[in-house]
Amino acid sequence: MNAMDTETGFAIEHSDEESILVRHVEELHRYAFFIANEDGRRFLGESVTIGNNGTANDGADFAAEARGFAERQARELNLID
């Protein structure tokens, strides 16, 4: 799966029942979000940022937007509740 949202500038590189990997299209920072399950409810849990050191902006600068994009896409893919 390689869904891209041109408005947000993010794309999904990979998704499965355990995680979703998001890429910032312009600066190539990557964000891995793990899917957690608590009391039968699936949600995005911990995340890892894999920054691209060759850019002007730090990967952390886009972390909140990446999480929002990942949550919307994961919900659409029925990976989280």
N, C-alpha and C. Protein backbone atom coordinates (compact mmCIF):
# COMPACT_ATOMS: atom_id res chain seq x y z
N MET A 1 0.85 -1.18 0.00
CA MET A 1 0.00 0.00 0.00
C MET A 1 0.88 1.23 0.00
N ASN A 2 0.56 2.19 -0.81
CA ASN A 2 1.33 3.42 -0.87
C ASN A 2 0.37 4.58 -1.12
N ALA A 3 -0.44 4.89 -0.11
CA ALA A 3 -1.39 5.99 -0.23
C ALA A 3 -0.68 7.29 0.07
N MET A 4 -0.99 8.29 -0.73
CA MET A 4 -0.38 9.60 -0.51
C MET A 4 -1.47 10.65 -0.41
N ASP A 5 -1.30 11.56 0.54
CA ASP A 5 -2.21 12.67 0.70
C ASP A 5 -1.45 13.93 0.33
N THR A 6 -1.74 14.49 -0.83
CA THR A 6 -0.98 15.64 -1.30
C THR A 6 -1.23 16.88 -0.46
N GLU A 7 -2.37 16.95 0.22
CA GLU A 7 -2.64 18.09 1.10
C GLU A 7 -1.72 18.10 2.31
N THR A 8 -1.51 16.96 2.91
CA THR A 8 -0.69 16.90 4.12
C THR A 8 0.78 16.69 3.80
N GLY A 9 1.08 16.13 2.64
CA GLY A 9 2.47 15.87 2.30
C GLY A 9 3.02 14.60 2.88
N PHE A 10 2.14 13.67 3.28
CA PHE A 10 2.57 12.40 3.83
C PHE A 10 2.07 11.25 2.96
N ALA A 11 2.76 10.13 3.05
CA ALA A 11 2.36 8.92 2.33
C ALA A 11 2.55 7.73 3.25
N ILE A 12 1.75 6.71 3.05
CA ILE A 12 1.93 5.45 3.77
C ILE A 12 2.91 4.60 2.99
N GLU A 13 3.97 4.16 3.65
CA GLU A 13 4.92 3.26 3.01
C GLU A 13 4.57 1.80 3.26
N HIS A 14 3.99 1.54 4.44
CA HIS A 14 3.65 0.16 4.80
C HIS A 14 2.58 0.20 5.89
N SER A 15 1.70 -0.77 5.87
CA SER A 15 0.72 -0.91 6.95
C SER A 15 0.35 -2.37 7.10
N ASP A 16 0.19 -2.79 8.34
CA ASP A 16 -0.31 -4.13 8.65
C ASP A 16 -0.96 -4.07 10.03
N GLU A 17 -1.33 -5.19 10.58
CA GLU A 17 -2.04 -5.23 11.86
C GLU A 17 -1.18 -4.80 13.05
N GLU A 18 0.13 -4.71 12.85
CA GLU A 18 1.03 -4.36 13.95
C GLU A 18 1.56 -2.95 13.88
N SER A 19 1.62 -2.36 12.68
CA SER A 19 2.23 -1.03 12.56
C SER A 19 1.81 -0.34 11.27
N ILE A 20 2.09 0.96 11.24
CA ILE A 20 1.89 1.75 10.03
C ILE A 20 3.11 2.66 9.90
N LEU A 21 3.71 2.66 8.72
CA LEU A 21 4.91 3.45 8.46
C LEU A 21 4.54 4.58 7.51
N VAL A 22 4.80 5.82 7.95
CA VAL A 22 4.43 7.02 7.22
C VAL A 22 5.70 7.76 6.82
N ARG A 23 5.68 8.35 5.62
CA ARG A 23 6.83 9.11 5.12
C ARG A 23 6.41 10.53 4.80
N HIS A 24 7.22 11.49 5.22
CA HIS A 24 7.02 12.88 4.82
C HIS A 24 7.57 12.98 3.41
N VAL A 25 6.73 13.25 2.45
CA VAL A 25 7.08 13.15 1.03
C VAL A 25 8.21 14.10 0.65
N GLU A 26 8.14 15.31 1.10
CA GLU A 26 9.13 16.31 0.67
C GLU A 26 10.49 16.11 1.33
N GLU A 27 10.52 15.85 2.64
CA GLU A 27 11.80 15.78 3.36
C GLU A 27 12.24 14.36 3.69
N LEU A 28 11.40 13.38 3.39
CA LEU A 28 11.71 11.96 3.54
C LEU A 28 11.92 11.49 4.97
N HIS A 29 11.43 12.24 5.95
CA HIS A 29 11.42 11.73 7.32
C HIS A 29 10.41 10.59 7.36
N ARG A 30 10.68 9.59 8.19
CA ARG A 30 9.76 8.45 8.31
C ARG A 30 9.33 8.28 9.76
N TYR A 31 8.10 7.81 9.93
CA TYR A 31 7.51 7.66 11.25
C TYR A 31 6.84 6.29 11.33
N ALA A 32 7.25 5.50 12.28
CA ALA A 32 6.65 4.18 12.49
C ALA A 32 5.75 4.26 13.72
N PHE A 33 4.49 3.91 13.55
CA PHE A 33 3.52 3.91 14.64
C PHE A 33 3.08 2.47 14.88
N PHE A 34 3.17 2.06 16.13
CA PHE A 34 2.80 0.69 16.48
C PHE A 34 1.35 0.66 16.91
N ILE A 35 0.64 -0.37 16.49
CA ILE A 35 -0.76 -0.52 16.83
C ILE A 35 -0.86 -1.31 18.12
N ALA A 36 -1.48 -0.68 19.11
CA ALA A 36 -1.63 -1.28 20.43
C ALA A 36 -3.07 -1.77 20.60
N ASN A 37 -3.23 -2.68 21.52
CA ASN A 37 -4.55 -3.24 21.81
C ASN A 37 -4.71 -3.28 23.32
N GLU A 38 -5.71 -2.56 23.82
CA GLU A 38 -5.98 -2.54 25.25
C GLU A 38 -7.47 -2.69 25.47
N ASP A 39 -7.85 -3.68 26.26
CA ASP A 39 -9.26 -3.94 26.54
C ASP A 39 -10.08 -4.11 25.27
N GLY A 40 -9.49 -4.74 24.26
CA GLY A 40 -10.17 -4.99 23.00
C GLY A 40 -10.25 -3.79 22.08
N ARG A 41 -9.63 -2.69 22.45
CA ARG A 41 -9.63 -1.47 21.64
C ARG A 41 -8.27 -1.29 20.98
N ARG A 42 -8.27 -1.11 19.66
CA ARG A 42 -7.02 -0.91 18.92
C ARG A 42 -6.79 0.58 18.70
N PHE A 43 -5.56 1.02 18.93
CA PHE A 43 -5.20 2.43 18.78
C PHE A 43 -3.72 2.55 18.45
N LEU A 44 -3.31 3.74 17.98
CA LEU A 44 -1.90 3.97 17.73
C LEU A 44 -1.21 4.16 19.07
N GLY A 45 -0.17 3.39 19.28
CA GLY A 45 0.59 3.48 20.51
C GLY A 45 1.89 4.22 20.28
N GLU A 46 2.97 3.62 20.76
CA GLU A 46 4.29 4.22 20.67
C GLU A 46 4.70 4.44 19.22
N SER A 47 5.62 5.37 19.04
CA SER A 47 6.10 5.65 17.68
C SER A 47 7.61 5.83 17.70
N VAL A 48 8.19 5.70 16.52
CA VAL A 48 9.62 5.91 16.31
C VAL A 48 9.76 6.86 15.12
N THR A 49 10.58 7.90 15.27
CA THR A 49 10.85 8.83 14.18
C THR A 49 12.21 8.50 13.59
N ILE A 50 12.25 8.34 12.28
CA ILE A 50 13.49 8.07 11.56
C ILE A 50 13.74 9.30 10.70
N GLY A 51 14.52 10.23 11.23
CA GLY A 51 14.73 11.50 10.56
C GLY A 51 15.71 11.40 9.40
N ASN A 52 15.58 12.34 8.50
CA ASN A 52 16.50 12.47 7.38
C ASN A 52 17.42 13.64 7.71
N ASN A 53 18.67 13.37 8.02
CA ASN A 53 19.60 14.42 8.45
C ASN A 53 19.99 15.39 7.35
N GLY A 54 19.64 15.10 6.12
CA GLY A 54 20.02 15.96 5.00
C GLY A 54 19.01 17.05 4.71
N THR A 55 18.14 17.39 5.66
CA THR A 55 17.12 18.40 5.42
C THR A 55 17.25 19.55 6.42
N ALA A 56 16.61 20.64 6.11
CA ALA A 56 16.65 21.81 6.98
C ALA A 56 15.83 21.61 8.25
N ASN A 57 14.79 20.80 8.18
CA ASN A 57 13.90 20.59 9.32
C ASN A 57 14.16 19.24 9.98
N ASP A 58 14.06 19.22 11.28
CA ASP A 58 14.19 18.00 12.05
C ASP A 58 12.93 17.16 11.87
N GLY A 59 13.07 15.85 11.92
CA GLY A 59 11.91 14.97 11.80
C GLY A 59 10.85 15.23 12.85
N ALA A 60 11.27 15.65 14.04
CA ALA A 60 10.34 15.92 15.13
C ALA A 60 9.40 17.08 14.79
N ASP A 61 9.83 17.96 13.89
CA ASP A 61 9.00 19.10 13.51
C ASP A 61 7.68 18.69 12.88
N PHE A 62 7.63 17.51 12.30
CA PHE A 62 6.43 17.03 11.60
C PHE A 62 5.74 15.88 12.33
N ALA A 63 6.20 15.54 13.53
CA ALA A 63 5.70 14.35 14.24
C ALA A 63 4.20 14.41 14.52
N ALA A 64 3.71 15.55 14.95
CA ALA A 64 2.28 15.67 15.27
C ALA A 64 1.42 15.49 14.01
N GLU A 65 1.85 16.12 12.91
CA GLU A 65 1.11 15.99 11.66
C GLU A 65 1.18 14.56 11.14
N ALA A 66 2.34 13.92 11.30
CA ALA A 66 2.49 12.53 10.85
C ALA A 66 1.56 11.62 11.64
N ARG A 67 1.46 11.86 12.95
CA ARG A 67 0.57 11.05 13.78
C ARG A 67 -0.89 11.22 13.36
N GLY A 68 -1.29 12.46 13.11
CA GLY A 68 -2.67 12.71 12.67
C GLY A 68 -2.97 12.00 11.36
N PHE A 69 -2.04 12.09 10.41
CA PHE A 69 -2.21 11.40 9.13
C PHE A 69 -2.28 9.89 9.34
N ALA A 70 -1.38 9.36 10.16
CA ALA A 70 -1.35 7.91 10.42
C ALA A 70 -2.65 7.45 11.06
N GLU A 71 -3.18 8.23 12.00
CA GLU A 71 -4.45 7.85 12.65
C GLU A 71 -5.59 7.82 11.66
N ARG A 72 -5.68 8.84 10.82
CA ARG A 72 -6.77 8.87 9.82
C ARG A 72 -6.67 7.68 8.86
N GLN A 73 -5.46 7.42 8.37
CA GLN A 73 -5.27 6.32 7.43
C GLN A 73 -5.50 4.96 8.09
N ALA A 74 -5.01 4.80 9.30
CA ALA A 74 -5.19 3.53 10.03
C ALA A 74 -6.67 3.26 10.29
N ARG A 75 -7.41 4.31 10.59
CA ARG A 75 -8.85 4.17 10.82
C ARG A 75 -9.55 3.76 9.51
N GLU A 76 -9.17 4.41 8.42
CA GLU A 76 -9.76 4.06 7.12
C GLU A 76 -9.45 2.62 6.72
N LEU A 77 -8.26 2.15 7.10
CA LEU A 77 -7.84 0.78 6.77
C LEU A 77 -8.34 -0.25 7.80
N ASN A 78 -9.11 0.25 8.77
CA ASN A 78 -9.68 -0.59 9.82
C ASN A 78 -8.58 -1.26 10.67
N LEU A 79 -7.46 -0.57 10.84
CA LEU A 79 -6.38 -1.07 11.69
C LEU A 79 -6.55 -0.65 13.13
N ILE A 80 -7.26 0.47 13.34
CA ILE A 80 -7.56 0.96 14.70
C ILE A 80 -9.04 1.27 14.78
N ASP A 81 -9.54 1.38 16.01
CA ASP A 81 -10.96 1.67 16.23
C ASP A 81 -11.22 3.16 16.27
